[in-house]
C-alpha atoms as a PDB file:
ATOM      1  CA  MET A   1     -53.334  47.199  69.226  1.00  0.00           C
ATOM      2  CA  ILE A   2     -54.030  45.071  66.291  1.00  0.00           C
ATOM      3  CA  LYS A   3     -53.967  48.313  63.855  1.00  0.00           C
ATOM      4  CA  GLN A   4     -50.704  49.183  65.437  1.00  0.00           C
ATOM      5  CA  TYR A   5     -49.147  45.445  64.715  1.00  0.00           C
ATOM      6  CA  LYS A   6     -50.480  45.570  61.107  1.00  0.00           C
ATOM      7  CA  LEU A   7     -48.776  49.139  60.826  1.00  0.00           C
ATOM      8  CA  LEU A   8     -45.423  47.761  62.103  1.00  0.00           C
ATOM      9  CA  ASP A   9     -45.461  44.877  59.420  1.00  0.00           C
ATOM     10  CA  ILE A  10     -45.914  47.117  56.506  1.00  0.00           C
ATOM     11  CA  LYS A  11     -43.298  49.351  57.874  1.00  0.00           C
ATOM     12  CA  ALA A  12     -40.937  46.102  58.203  1.00  0.00           C
ATOM     13  CA  LEU A  13     -41.826  45.366  54.440  1.00  0.00           C
ATOM     14  CA  SER A  14     -41.122  48.687  53.241  1.00  0.00           C
ATOM     15  CA  ARG A  15     -37.881  48.664  55.260  1.00  0.00           C
ATOM     16  CA  PHE A  16     -36.384  45.255  53.981  1.00  0.00           C
ATOM     17  CA  GLY A  17     -38.388  45.677  50.450  1.00  0.00           C
ATOM     18  CA  LEU A  18     -35.263  46.451  48.434  1.00  0.00           C
ATOM     19  CA  VAL A  19     -33.290  43.561  49.901  1.00  0.00           C
ATOM     20  CA  LEU A  20     -35.980  41.095  49.628  1.00  0.00           C
ATOM     21  CA  LEU A  21     -37.017  41.964  45.970  1.00  0.00           C
ATOM     22  CA  PRO A  22     -33.617  40.997  44.708  1.00  0.00           C
ATOM     23  CA  LEU A  23     -33.601  38.064  46.551  1.00  0.00           C
ATOM     24  CA  LEU A  24     -36.726  36.893  45.369  1.00  0.00           C
ATOM     25  CA  MET A  25     -35.848  37.862  41.696  1.00  0.00           C
ATOM     26  CA  VAL A  26     -32.790  35.701  41.990  1.00  0.00           C
ATOM     27  CA  ALA A  27     -34.319  32.935  43.430  1.00  0.00           C
ATOM     28  CA  CYS A  28     -36.873  32.961  40.595  1.00  0.00           C
ATOM     29  CA  THR A  29     -34.385  33.033  37.783  1.00  0.00           C
ATOM     30  CA  ALA A  30     -31.476  30.844  38.880  1.00  0.00           C
ATOM     31  CA  VAL A  31     -30.561  28.053  36.815  1.00  0.00           C
ATOM     32  CA  PRO A  32     -28.801  25.186  38.440  1.00  0.00           C
ATOM     33  CA  LYS A  33     -25.328  24.418  37.157  1.00  0.00           C
ATOM     34  CA  GLU A  34     -24.928  21.785  34.452  1.00  0.00           C
ATOM     35  CA  GLU A  35     -22.644  18.746  35.275  1.00  0.00           C
ATOM     36  CA  PRO A  36     -19.842  18.731  32.899  1.00  0.00           C
ATOM     37  CA  GLU A  37     -20.481  15.830  30.339  1.00  0.00           C
ATOM     38  CA  LEU A  38     -18.048  12.851  30.687  1.00  0.00           C
ATOM     39  CA  ILE A  39     -16.059  11.912  27.760  1.00  0.00           C
ATOM     40  CA  ASP A  40     -15.773   8.214  27.650  1.00  0.00           C
ATOM     41  CA  ASN A  41     -11.777   7.708  26.658  1.00  0.00           C
ATOM     42  CA  THR A  42     -12.137   3.811  27.066  1.00  0.00           C
ATOM     43  CA  PRO A  43      -9.950   2.168  24.427  1.00  0.00           C
ATOM     44  CA  PRO A  44     -11.681   0.334  21.675  1.00  0.00           C
ATOM     45  CA  THR A  45     -12.663  -3.295  22.353  1.00  0.00           C
ATOM     46  CA  ARG A  46     -10.368  -4.502  19.192  1.00  0.00           C
ATOM     47  CA  GLN A  47      -6.867  -3.026  20.614  1.00  0.00           C
ATOM     48  CA  ASP A  48      -5.449  -6.121  18.878  1.00  0.00           C
ATOM     49  CA  LEU A  49      -6.083  -4.522  15.468  1.00  0.00           C
ATOM     50  CA  TYR A  50      -3.602  -1.844  15.978  1.00  0.00           C
ATOM     51  CA  ASP A  51       0.016  -1.238  17.177  1.00  0.00           C
ATOM     52  CA  GLY A  52      -0.577   0.692  20.245  1.00  0.00           C
ATOM     53  CA  SER A  53       2.886   1.604  20.616  1.00  0.00           C
ATOM     54  CA  ALA A  54       2.685   3.630  17.362  1.00  0.00           C
ATOM     55  CA  MET A  55      -0.606   5.479  18.339  1.00  0.00           C
ATOM     56  CA  HIS A  56       0.927   8.026  20.659  1.00  0.00           C
ATOM     57  CA  THR A  57      -0.431  10.925  17.931  1.00  0.00           C
ATOM     58  CA  VAL A  58      -4.163   9.553  18.472  1.00  0.00           C
ATOM     59  CA  THR A  59      -6.620  12.006  19.694  1.00  0.00           C
ATOM     60  CA  THR A  60      -8.919   9.800  22.023  1.00  0.00           C
ATOM     61  CA  GLY A  61     -11.313  12.658  23.093  1.00  0.00           C
ATOM     62  CA  ASN A  62     -14.647  13.469  21.365  1.00  0.00           C
ATOM     63  CA  PRO A  63     -15.477   9.414  20.808  1.00  0.00           C
ATOM     64  CA  PRO A  64     -17.933   8.722  17.862  1.00  0.00           C
ATOM     65  CA  LYS A  65     -21.747   8.832  18.536  1.00  0.00           C
ATOM     66  CA  ASP A  66     -22.300   5.865  16.427  1.00  0.00           C
ATOM     67  CA  GLU A  67     -20.873   3.530  13.687  1.00  0.00           C
ATOM     68  CA  ALA A  68     -21.732   6.071  10.988  1.00  0.00           C
ATOM     69  CA  ASP A  69     -20.078   8.833  12.800  1.00  0.00           C
ATOM     70  CA  ALA A  70     -16.887   6.564  13.304  1.00  0.00           C
ATOM     71  CA  LEU A  71     -17.033   5.596   9.529  1.00  0.00           C
ATOM     72  CA  SER A  72     -17.272   9.218   8.537  1.00  0.00           C
ATOM     73  CA  ARG A  73     -14.793  10.617  10.482  1.00  0.00           C
ATOM     74  CA  ALA A  74     -12.224   7.795   9.729  1.00  0.00           C
ATOM     75  CA  LYS A  75     -12.798   8.452   6.183  1.00  0.00           C
ATOM     76  CA  HIS A  76     -11.955  12.316   6.602  1.00  0.00           C
ATOM     77  CA  GLU A  77      -8.666  11.599   8.644  1.00  0.00           C
ATOM     78  CA  GLU A  78      -7.587   8.884   6.043  1.00  0.00           C
ATOM     79  CA  GLN A  79      -8.000  11.608   2.995  1.00  0.00           C
ATOM     80  CA  ILE A  80      -6.034  14.119   4.785  1.00  0.00           C
ATOM     81  CA  GLY A  81      -3.215  11.489   5.745  1.00  0.00           C
ATOM     82  CA  ASN A  82      -3.915  11.010   9.283  1.00  0.00           C
ATOM     83  CA  LEU A  83      -3.849   7.220   9.036  1.00  0.00           C
ATOM     84  CA  ASP A  84      -3.076   6.613  12.750  1.00  0.00           C
ATOM     85  CA  GLN A  85      -6.320   8.443  13.619  1.00  0.00           C
ATOM     86  CA  ALA A  86      -8.233   6.971  10.567  1.00  0.00           C
ATOM     87  CA  LEU A  87      -7.265   3.585  12.111  1.00  0.00           C
ATOM     88  CA  TYR A  88      -8.173   4.161  15.313  1.00  0.00           C
ATOM     89  CA  LEU A  89     -11.660   5.130  14.228  1.00  0.00           C
ATOM     90  CA  TYR A  90     -12.123   2.147  12.139  1.00  0.00           C
ATOM     91  CA  VAL A  91     -11.274   0.250  15.065  1.00  0.00           C
ATOM     92  CA  GLN A  92     -13.651   2.187  17.271  1.00  0.00           C
ATOM     93  CA  SER A  93     -16.667   1.614  14.749  1.00  0.00           C
ATOM     94  CA  LEU A  94     -16.290  -1.924  15.343  1.00  0.00           C
ATOM     95  CA  ASP A  95     -17.404  -1.472  18.968  1.00  0.00           C
ATOM     96  CA  PHE A  96     -20.945  -0.506  17.199  1.00  0.00           C
ATOM     97  CA  ASN A  97     -20.751  -3.283  14.344  1.00  0.00           C
ATOM     98  CA  ALA A  98     -18.219  -5.840  15.136  1.00  0.00           C
ATOM     99  CA  ASN A  99     -19.062  -7.934  11.909  1.00  0.00           C
ATOM    100  CA  ASN A 100     -18.701  -5.164   9.101  1.00  0.00           C
ATOM    101  CA  ALA A 101     -16.323  -6.820   6.727  1.00  0.00           C
ATOM    102  CA  GLN A 102     -15.486  -3.799   4.759  1.00  0.00           C
ATOM    103  CA  THR A 103     -14.445  -2.110   7.929  1.00  0.00           C
ATOM    104  CA  LEU A 104     -11.787  -5.134   8.706  1.00  0.00           C
ATOM    105  CA  TYR A 105     -10.806  -4.568   5.043  1.00  0.00           C
ATOM    106  CA  ASN A 106     -10.043  -0.940   5.800  1.00  0.00           C
ATOM    107  CA  ILE A 107      -8.110  -1.390   9.040  1.00  0.00           C
ATOM    108  CA  ALA A 108      -5.905  -4.405   7.198  1.00  0.00           C
ATOM    109  CA  ARG A 109      -5.286  -2.045   4.459  1.00  0.00           C
ATOM    110  CA  ILE A 110      -4.145   0.753   6.659  1.00  0.00           C
ATOM    111  CA  ASN A 111      -2.070  -1.547   8.584  1.00  0.00           C
ATOM    112  CA  SER A 112      -0.415  -2.907   5.227  1.00  0.00           C
ATOM    113  CA  ILE A 113       0.457   0.946   4.289  1.00  0.00           C
ATOM    114  CA  LYS A 114       2.046   1.218   7.643  1.00  0.00           C
ATOM    115  CA  GLY A 115       4.128  -1.808   7.483  1.00  0.00           C
ATOM    116  CA  ASN A 116       2.300  -4.134  10.034  1.00  0.00           C
ATOM    117  CA  ILE A 117       1.971  -6.853   7.659  1.00  0.00           C
ATOM    118  CA  GLN A 118       0.901  -9.539  10.093  1.00  0.00           C
ATOM    119  CA  LEU A 119      -1.767  -7.424  11.351  1.00  0.00           C
ATOM    120  CA  ALA A 120      -2.719  -6.853   7.932  1.00  0.00           C
ATOM    121  CA  TYR A 121      -2.779 -10.678   7.124  1.00  0.00           C
ATOM    122  CA  LEU A 122      -4.764 -11.610  10.098  1.00  0.00           C
ATOM    123  CA  THR A 123      -7.477  -8.919   9.597  1.00  0.00           C
ATOM    124  CA  TYR A 124      -7.967  -9.639   5.737  1.00  0.00           C
ATOM    125  CA  ASN A 125      -8.799 -13.036   6.775  1.00  0.00           C
ATOM    126  CA  GLU A 126     -10.978 -12.188   9.365  1.00  0.00           C
ATOM    127  CA  SER A 127     -12.882  -9.983   6.805  1.00  0.00           C
ATOM    128  CA  LEU A 128     -13.098 -12.965   4.504  1.00  0.00           C
ATOM    129  CA  ALA A 129     -14.514 -15.138   7.144  1.00  0.00           C
ATOM    130  CA  ILE A 130     -17.322 -12.503   7.629  1.00  0.00           C
ATOM    131  CA  ASP A 131     -17.692 -12.217   3.553  1.00  0.00           C
ATOM    132  CA  PRO A 132     -15.866 -14.804   1.589  1.00  0.00           C
ATOM    133  CA  GLU A 133     -16.707 -12.590  -1.284  1.00  0.00           C
ATOM    134  CA  MET A 134     -14.810  -9.463  -0.352  1.00  0.00           C
ATOM    135  CA  MET A 135     -12.756  -8.754  -3.433  1.00  0.00           C
ATOM    136  CA  MET A 136     -10.076  -6.479  -1.983  1.00  0.00           C
ATOM    137  CA  SER A 137      -9.419  -8.493   0.845  1.00  0.00           C
ATOM    138  CA  HIS A 138      -8.494 -11.281  -1.509  1.00  0.00           C
ATOM    139  CA  ALA A 139      -6.322  -8.925  -3.261  1.00  0.00           C
ATOM    140  CA  GLY A 140      -4.591  -7.649  -0.253  1.00  0.00           C
ATOM    141  CA  LEU A 141      -3.665 -11.079   0.862  1.00  0.00           C
ATOM    142  CA  GLY A 142      -2.555 -12.119  -2.689  1.00  0.00           C
ATOM    143  CA  LEU A 143      -0.104  -9.149  -2.319  1.00  0.00           C
ATOM    144  CA  ILE A 144       1.237 -10.192   0.893  1.00  0.00           C
ATOM    145  CA  ASN A 145       1.652 -13.632  -0.464  1.00  0.00           C
ATOM    146  CA  MET A 146       3.607 -12.387  -3.578  1.00  0.00           C
ATOM    147  CA  ASP A 147       5.956 -10.536  -1.214  1.00  0.00           C
ATOM    148  CA  LYS A 148       6.571 -13.545   0.661  1.00  0.00           C
ATOM    149  CA  ARG A 149       7.011 -15.507  -2.169  1.00  0.00           C
ATOM    150  CA  GLN A 150       4.054 -17.710  -1.563  1.00  0.00           C
ATOM    151  CA  HIS A 151       3.285 -18.126  -5.137  1.00  0.00           C
ATOM    152  CA  ALA A 152       0.176 -20.851  -4.742  1.00  0.00           C
ATOM    153  CA  GLN A 153      -1.525 -18.862  -2.003  1.00  0.00           C
ATOM    154  CA  ALA A 154      -0.977 -15.847  -4.043  1.00  0.00           C
ATOM    155  CA  ARG A 155      -2.643 -17.114  -6.973  1.00  0.00           C
ATOM    156  CA  PHE A 156      -5.547 -18.516  -5.026  1.00  0.00           C
ATOM    157  CA  HIS A 157      -6.267 -14.813  -3.806  1.00  0.00           C
ATOM    158  CA  LEU A 158      -5.286 -13.110  -6.850  1.00  0.00           C
ATOM    159  CA  GLU A 159      -7.474 -14.991  -9.345  1.00  0.00           C
ATOM    160  CA  LYS A 160     -10.548 -14.954  -6.770  1.00  0.00           C
ATOM    161  CA  ALA A 161     -10.041 -11.202  -6.744  1.00  0.00           C
ATOM    162  CA  VAL A 162      -9.907 -10.852 -10.759  1.00  0.00           C
ATOM    163  CA  SER A 163     -12.641 -13.527 -10.800  1.00  0.00           C
ATOM    164  CA  LEU A 164     -14.891 -11.470  -8.382  1.00  0.00           C
ATOM    165  CA  ASP A 165     -14.163  -8.210 -10.596  1.00  0.00           C
ATOM    166  CA  GLN A 166     -14.968  -9.859 -13.885  1.00  0.00           C
ATOM    167  CA  LYS A 167     -18.213 -11.261 -12.309  1.00  0.00           C
ATOM    168  CA  ARG A 168     -19.173  -7.948 -11.905  1.00  0.00           C
ATOM    169  CA  PHE A 169     -19.646  -7.383 -15.738  1.00  0.00           C
ATOM    170  CA  ASN A 170     -21.191 -10.987 -16.183  1.00  0.00           C
ATOM    171  CA  PRO A 171     -22.576 -12.519 -13.200  1.00  0.00           C
ATOM    172  CA  ALA A 172     -22.350 -16.054 -14.868  1.00  0.00           C
ATOM    173  CA  VAL A 173     -18.399 -15.899 -14.770  1.00  0.00           C
ATOM    174  CA  GLU A 174     -17.383 -18.475 -12.209  1.00  0.00           C
ATOM    175  CA  ASN A 175     -13.800 -19.069 -13.178  1.00  0.00           C
ATOM    176  CA  LEU A 176     -10.990 -17.280 -15.108  1.00  0.00           C
ATOM    177  CA  GLY A 177     -10.988 -18.159 -18.991  1.00  0.00           C
ATOM    178  CA  GLU A 178      -9.061 -16.987 -21.934  1.00  0.00           C
ATOM    179  CA  THR A 179     -11.430 -14.097 -22.454  1.00  0.00           C
ATOM    180  CA  PHE A 180     -11.814 -11.055 -20.142  1.00  0.00           C
ATOM    181  CA  TYR A 181     -14.014  -8.239 -20.025  1.00  0.00           C
ATOM    182  CA  SER A 182     -12.540  -4.709 -20.295  1.00  0.00           C
ATOM    183  CA  LEU A 183     -11.978  -3.083 -17.133  1.00  0.00           C
ATOM    184  CA  ASP A 184     -13.619   0.205 -15.485  1.00  0.00           C
ATOM    185  CA  THR A 185     -12.827   2.448 -12.574  1.00  0.00           C
ATOM    186  CA  ASP A 186     -13.602   0.189  -9.746  1.00  0.00           C
ATOM    187  CA  SER A 187     -11.262  -2.724 -11.357  1.00  0.00           C
ATOM    188  CA  PRO A 188      -8.389  -3.372  -9.308  1.00  0.00           C
ATOM    189  CA  ILE A 189      -5.515  -2.667 -11.792  1.00  0.00           C
ATOM    190  CA  ARG A 190      -2.650  -3.511  -9.295  1.00  0.00           C
ATOM    191  CA  ILE A 191      -4.211  -6.783  -8.846  1.00  0.00           C
ATOM    192  CA  TYR A 192      -4.362  -7.781 -12.661  1.00  0.00           C
ATOM    193  CA  ASN A 193      -0.664  -6.448 -13.001  1.00  0.00           C
ATOM    194  CA  ALA A 194       0.598  -8.805  -9.945  1.00  0.00           C
ATOM    195  CA  LEU A 195      -1.317 -11.638 -11.493  1.00  0.00           C
ATOM    196  CA  ALA A 196       0.343 -11.155 -14.579  1.00  0.00           C
ATOM    197  CA  ILE A 197       3.662 -10.952 -12.788  1.00  0.00           C
ATOM    198  CA  LEU A 198       2.726 -14.355 -11.195  1.00  0.00           C
ATOM    199  CA  ASP A 199       2.079 -15.902 -14.797  1.00  0.00           C
ATOM    200  CA  ASP A 200       5.464 -14.620 -16.224  1.00  0.00           C
ATOM    201  CA  LEU A 201       7.111 -16.207 -12.954  1.00  0.00           C
ATOM    202  CA  GLU A 202       5.929 -19.308 -14.109  1.00  0.00           C
ATOM    203  CA  ASN A 203       6.542 -18.884 -17.608  1.00  0.00           C
ATOM    204  CA  GLU A 204       3.021 -18.406 -18.670  1.00  0.00           C
ATOM    205  CA  HIS A 205       4.177 -15.439 -20.740  1.00  0.00           C
ATOM    206  CA  GLU A 206       1.036 -15.277 -23.252  1.00  0.00           C
ATOM    207  CA  ARG A 207      -1.443 -15.378 -20.399  1.00  0.00           C
ATOM    208  CA  ALA A 208       0.456 -12.489 -18.684  1.00  0.00           C
ATOM    209  CA  ARG A 209       0.781 -10.352 -21.655  1.00  0.00           C
ATOM    210  CA  ARG A 210      -3.314 -10.635 -21.853  1.00  0.00           C
ATOM    211  CA  LEU A 211      -3.620  -9.430 -18.303  1.00  0.00           C
ATOM    212  CA  TYR A 212      -1.038  -6.546 -19.074  1.00  0.00           C
ATOM    213  CA  ARG A 213      -2.862  -5.249 -22.043  1.00  0.00           C
ATOM    214  CA  LEU A 214      -6.205  -5.540 -20.189  1.00  0.00           C
ATOM    215  CA  ALA A 215      -4.657  -3.396 -17.504  1.00  0.00           C
ATOM    216  CA  LEU A 216      -3.014  -0.916 -20.183  1.00  0.00           C
ATOM    217  CA  ASP A 217      -6.289  -0.469 -21.952  1.00  0.00           C
ATOM    218  CA  ARG A 218      -7.341   1.098 -18.640  1.00  0.00           C
ATOM    219  CA  GLU A 219      -4.187   2.831 -17.882  1.00  0.00           C
ATOM    220  CA  PRO A 220      -2.338   3.313 -21.130  1.00  0.00           C
ATOM    221  CA  HIS A 221       0.300   5.705 -19.876  1.00  0.00           C
ATOM    222  CA  SER A 222       1.640   3.713 -16.831  1.00  0.00           C
ATOM    223  CA  ALA A 223       5.299   3.110 -17.149  1.00  0.00           C
ATOM    224  CA  LEU A 224       5.178   0.233 -14.537  1.00  0.00           C
ATOM    225  CA  ILE A 225       2.712  -1.830 -16.625  1.00  0.00           C
ATOM    226  CA  ILE A 226       4.343  -1.059 -19.803  1.00  0.00           C
ATOM    227  CA  THR A 227       7.608  -1.883 -18.209  1.00  0.00           C
ATOM    228  CA  ASN A 228       6.364  -5.288 -17.021  1.00  0.00           C
ATOM    229  CA  LEU A 229       5.297  -5.984 -20.532  1.00  0.00           C
ATOM    230  CA  GLY A 230       8.430  -5.345 -22.229  1.00  0.00           C
ATOM    231  CA  TYR A 231      10.254  -7.728 -19.384  1.00  0.00           C
ATOM    232  CA  SER A 232       7.835 -10.437 -20.066  1.00  0.00           C
ATOM    233  CA  TYR A 233       8.930 -10.380 -23.962  1.00  0.00           C
ATOM    234  CA  TYR A 234      12.671 -10.154 -22.341  1.00  0.00           C
ATOM    235  CA  LEU A 235      11.883 -13.378 -20.415  1.00  0.00           C
ATOM    236  CA  SER A 236      10.648 -15.291 -23.445  1.00  0.00           C
ATOM    237  CA  GLY A 237      13.574 -13.953 -25.539  1.00  0.00           C
ATOM    238  CA  ASN A 238      11.798 -11.410 -28.032  1.00  0.00           C
ATOM    239  CA  PHE A 239      14.390  -8.715 -27.196  1.00  0.00           C
ATOM    240  CA  THR A 240      12.771  -6.504 -30.195  1.00  0.00           C
ATOM    241  CA  LEU A 241       9.588  -6.096 -28.569  1.00  0.00           C
ATOM    242  CA  ALA A 242      11.104  -5.802 -25.196  1.00  0.00           C
ATOM    243  CA  GLU A 243      13.276  -2.939 -26.294  1.00  0.00           C
ATOM    244  CA  ARG A 244      10.356  -1.325 -27.909  1.00  0.00           C
ATOM    245  CA  TYR A 245       8.043  -1.255 -24.778  1.00  0.00           C
ATOM    246  CA  LEU A 246      10.761  -0.552 -22.576  1.00  0.00           C
ATOM    247  CA  LYS A 247      11.664   2.563 -24.623  1.00  0.00           C
ATOM    248  CA  GLN A 248       8.099   3.122 -24.295  1.00  0.00           C
ATOM    249  CA  ALA A 249       7.742   3.010 -20.719  1.00  0.00           C
ATOM    250  CA  ILE A 250      11.019   5.507 -20.506  1.00  0.00           C
ATOM    251  CA  GLN A 251       8.957   7.788 -22.750  1.00  0.00           C
ATOM    252  CA  GLU A 252       6.082   7.826 -20.236  1.00  0.00           C
ATOM    253  CA  ASP A 253       8.279   8.163 -17.169  1.00  0.00           C
ATOM    254  CA  PRO A 254      12.055   8.996 -17.586  1.00  0.00           C
ATOM    255  CA  ASN A 255      12.524   8.572 -13.791  1.00  0.00           C
ATOM    256  CA  PHE A 256      11.251   4.998 -13.790  1.00  0.00           C
ATOM    257  CA  ASP A 257      14.476   3.238 -12.927  1.00  0.00           C
ATOM    258  CA  ARG A 258      13.522  -0.174 -13.587  1.00  0.00           C
ATOM    259  CA  SER A 259      12.695   0.725 -17.065  1.00  0.00           C
ATOM    260  CA  TRP A 260      16.575   1.677 -17.512  1.00  0.00           C
ATOM    261  CA  THR A 261      17.556  -1.447 -15.938  1.00  0.00           C
ATOM    262  CA  ASN A 262      15.645  -3.952 -17.856  1.00  0.00           C
ATOM    263  CA  LEU A 263      16.658  -1.805 -21.368  1.00  0.00           C
ATOM    264  CA  GLY A 264      20.251  -2.442 -20.052  1.00  0.00           C
ATOM    265  CA  LEU A 265      19.832  -6.171 -19.694  1.00  0.00           C
ATOM    266  CA  VAL A 266      18.236  -6.231 -23.179  1.00  0.00           C
ATOM    267  CA  TYR A 267      21.349  -4.540 -24.655  1.00  0.00           C
ATOM    268  CA  VAL A 268      23.469  -7.205 -22.657  1.00  0.00           C
ATOM    269  CA  ARG A 269      21.387 -10.119 -24.424  1.00  0.00           C
ATOM    270  CA  LYS A 270      21.431  -8.573 -27.598  1.00  0.00           C
ATOM    271  CA  GLY A 271      25.735  -8.095 -27.128  1.00  0.00           C
ATOM    272  CA  LEU A 272      25.467  -4.241 -27.221  1.00  0.00           C
ATOM    273  CA  TYR A 273      27.556  -3.829 -23.982  1.00  0.00           C
ATOM    274  CA  ALA A 274      28.603  -0.370 -24.364  1.00  0.00           C
ATOM    275  CA  ARG A 275      25.050   0.641 -24.725  1.00  0.00           C
ATOM    276  CA  ALA A 276      23.713  -1.579 -22.046  1.00  0.00           C
ATOM    277  CA  LEU A 277      26.711   0.271 -19.629  1.00  0.00           C
ATOM    278  CA  SER A 278      25.355   3.780 -20.740  1.00  0.00           C
ATOM    279  CA  THR A 279      21.789   2.652 -20.160  1.00  0.00           C
ATOM    280  CA  LEU A 280      22.396   1.119 -16.793  1.00  0.00           C
ATOM    281  CA  GLU A 281      24.344   4.706 -15.903  1.00  0.00           C
ATOM    282  CA  HIS A 282      20.963   6.374 -16.035  1.00  0.00           C
ATOM    283  CA  THR A 283      20.058   4.854 -12.864  1.00  0.00           C
ATOM    284  CA  MET A 284      23.427   4.080 -10.741  1.00  0.00           C
ATOM    285  CA  GLU A 285      26.909   5.510 -10.376  1.00  0.00           C
ATOM    286  CA  PRO A 286      29.542   4.528 -12.924  1.00  0.00           C
ATOM    287  CA  ALA A 287      31.194   2.011 -10.538  1.00  0.00           C
ATOM    288  CA  ASP A 288      27.934   0.246  -9.876  1.00  0.00           C
ATOM    289  CA  ALA A 289      26.821   0.274 -13.572  1.00  0.00           C
ATOM    290  CA  LEU A 290      30.272  -1.443 -14.247  1.00  0.00           C
ATOM    291  CA  ASN A 291      29.904  -4.079 -11.480  1.00  0.00           C
ATOM    292  CA  ASP A 292      26.189  -4.738 -12.632  1.00  0.00           C
ATOM    293  CA  LEU A 293      27.059  -5.101 -16.234  1.00  0.00           C
ATOM    294  CA  GLY A 294      30.066  -7.279 -15.303  1.00  0.00           C
ATOM    295  CA  PHE A 295      28.091  -9.518 -13.155  1.00  0.00           C
ATOM    296  CA  PHE A 296      25.239 -10.072 -16.162  1.00  0.00           C
ATOM    297  CA  LEU A 297      28.289 -11.129 -18.188  1.00  0.00           C
ATOM    298  CA  MET A 298      29.610 -13.494 -15.785  1.00  0.00           C
ATOM    299  CA  LEU A 299      25.941 -15.105 -15.851  1.00  0.00           C
ATOM    300  CA  GLU A 300      26.286 -15.180 -19.415  1.00  0.00           C
ATOM    301  CA  GLY A 301      29.789 -17.103 -19.114  1.00  0.00           C
ATOM    302  CA  GLN A 302      31.539 -14.023 -20.624  1.00  0.00           C
ATOM    303  CA  TYR A 303      34.225 -14.290 -17.749  1.00  0.00           C
ATOM    304  CA  GLU A 304      37.093 -12.391 -19.697  1.00  0.00           C
ATOM    305  CA  GLN A 305      34.980  -9.308 -20.254  1.00  0.00           C
ATOM    306  CA  ALA A 306      33.331  -9.664 -16.776  1.00  0.00           C
ATOM    307  CA  ILE A 307      36.767  -9.440 -15.197  1.00  0.00           C
ATOM    308  CA  ASN A 308      37.928  -6.276 -17.327  1.00  0.00           C
ATOM    309  CA  LEU A 309      34.512  -4.457 -15.951  1.00  0.00           C
ATOM    310  CA  PHE A 310      34.913  -5.774 -12.405  1.00  0.00           C
ATOM    311  CA  GLN A 311      38.422  -4.195 -12.733  1.00  0.00           C
ATOM    312  CA  ARG A 312      37.161  -0.622 -14.065  1.00  0.00           C
ATOM    313  CA  ALA A 313      34.581  -0.743 -10.968  1.00  0.00           C
ATOM    314  CA  ILE A 314      37.509  -1.035  -8.591  1.00  0.00           C
ATOM    315  CA  ASP A 315      39.110   1.430 -10.250  1.00  0.00           C
ATOM    316  CA  GLU A 316      36.339   3.834 -10.223  1.00  0.00           C
ATOM    317  CA  SER A 317      35.796   3.130  -6.368  1.00  0.00           C
ATOM    318  CA  PRO A 318      38.638   1.109  -4.943  1.00  0.00           C
ATOM    319  CA  SER A 319      38.220   2.113  -1.193  1.00  0.00           C
ATOM    320  CA  TYR A 320      34.724   0.819  -0.588  1.00  0.00           C
ATOM    321  CA  PHE A 321      33.636  -1.532  -3.610  1.00  0.00           C
ATOM    322  CA  GLU A 322      33.990  -4.958  -1.769  1.00  0.00           C
ATOM    323  CA  GLN A 323      31.277  -6.230  -3.909  1.00  0.00           C
ATOM    324  CA  ALA A 324      33.232  -5.729  -7.155  1.00  0.00           C
ATOM    325  CA  GLN A 325      36.168  -7.317  -5.314  1.00  0.00           C
ATOM    326  CA  LYS A 326      33.954 -10.412  -4.561  1.00  0.00           C
ATOM    327  CA  ASN A 327      32.640 -10.723  -8.227  1.00  0.00           C
ATOM    328  CA  LEU A 328      36.415 -10.031  -9.402  1.00  0.00           C
ATOM    329  CA  LYS A 329      37.240 -13.226  -7.615  1.00  0.00           C
ATOM    330  CA  ARG A 330      34.844 -15.028  -8.687  1.00  0.00           C
ATOM    331  CA  ALA A 331      34.909 -14.337 -12.167  1.00  0.00           C
ATOM    332  CA  SER A 332      38.634 -15.149 -12.270  1.00  0.00           C
ATOM    333  CA  LEU A 333      38.073 -18.613 -10.844  1.00  0.00           C
ATOM    334  CA  GLU A 334      35.511 -19.387 -13.267  1.00  0.00           C
ATOM    335  CA  TYR A 335      37.535 -18.181 -16.222  1.00  0.00           C
ATOM    336  CA  ALA A 336      40.576 -20.299 -15.052  1.00  0.00           C
ATOM    337  CA  SER A 337      38.324 -23.214 -14.735  1.00  0.00           C
ATOM    338  CA  GLN A 338      37.003 -22.632 -18.187  1.00  0.00           C
ATOM    339  CA  LYS A 339      40.720 -22.129 -19.608  1.00  0.00           C
ATOM    340  CA  ALA A 340      41.788 -25.574 -18.053  1.00  0.00           C
ATOM    341  CA  ASN A 341      38.692 -27.505 -19.540  1.00  0.00           C
END
């Protein structure tokens, strides 16, 4: 009986072998399914550093692994013009290192470009709280102060930025003096130009021109800086040099409107009114040029000529030129008062 039992067992195996073998093979080779990786879409901690309502185009998937990854990706997005994505990544990087002054500067800079000036202002200050020697944060604050006509604060930050730049060439430099070291590719040319404008506004024309020339040594073909240098001479009454530099600026960039406008002002002060008018017409419609020239002459006390120009401006554009009508009324009253006296 025992032999018969074993025989039946072997037969059973042979009968079900074709079924059991594949099952055994599957059991040995099967790999358990991996759970899908969870993507952390949690917003960054510092959501106060960007305008959430303007970030609808931002991709929040695939978050950065660490600070270096976030910064690398932020720079790439900025280079290809995706400022919102770059800003979001810079803010994300603060979750890995909250005290990175350079990152805070970059966040402030992008907010400034996007027109979020108050956010930029606060973030520049936060950057300086971590690193008081952050040159470009001083520069950014100085430009904001300039736009707000806060000249004392602007001077503090612009001079600090220029001083820090000069200190790169000579660590002994503490305060700005009369002598400056030549600028290099890392020098913030825009800040030297801004400080020069501030000097011109405060009638420090010689100092302004030193800064303009310093900037021009680095960017000799800048129509903007050449125009500012010419206008500096205009402000101090040197119309010959003003005309020379403004013409040079126009040669560098004939489409830079401010060069033409300032050259028109020079011709007004030189009494060359026909030339002034034709110069202004390079940047505006004839009616606007007539109105603007009339306004300049009115400021010069040339009321009779101003009245004539305002009337011509109205004739050029009678239906909508309200400003010329107002100027004509003002000039007529001033002229009547002048004759009465």
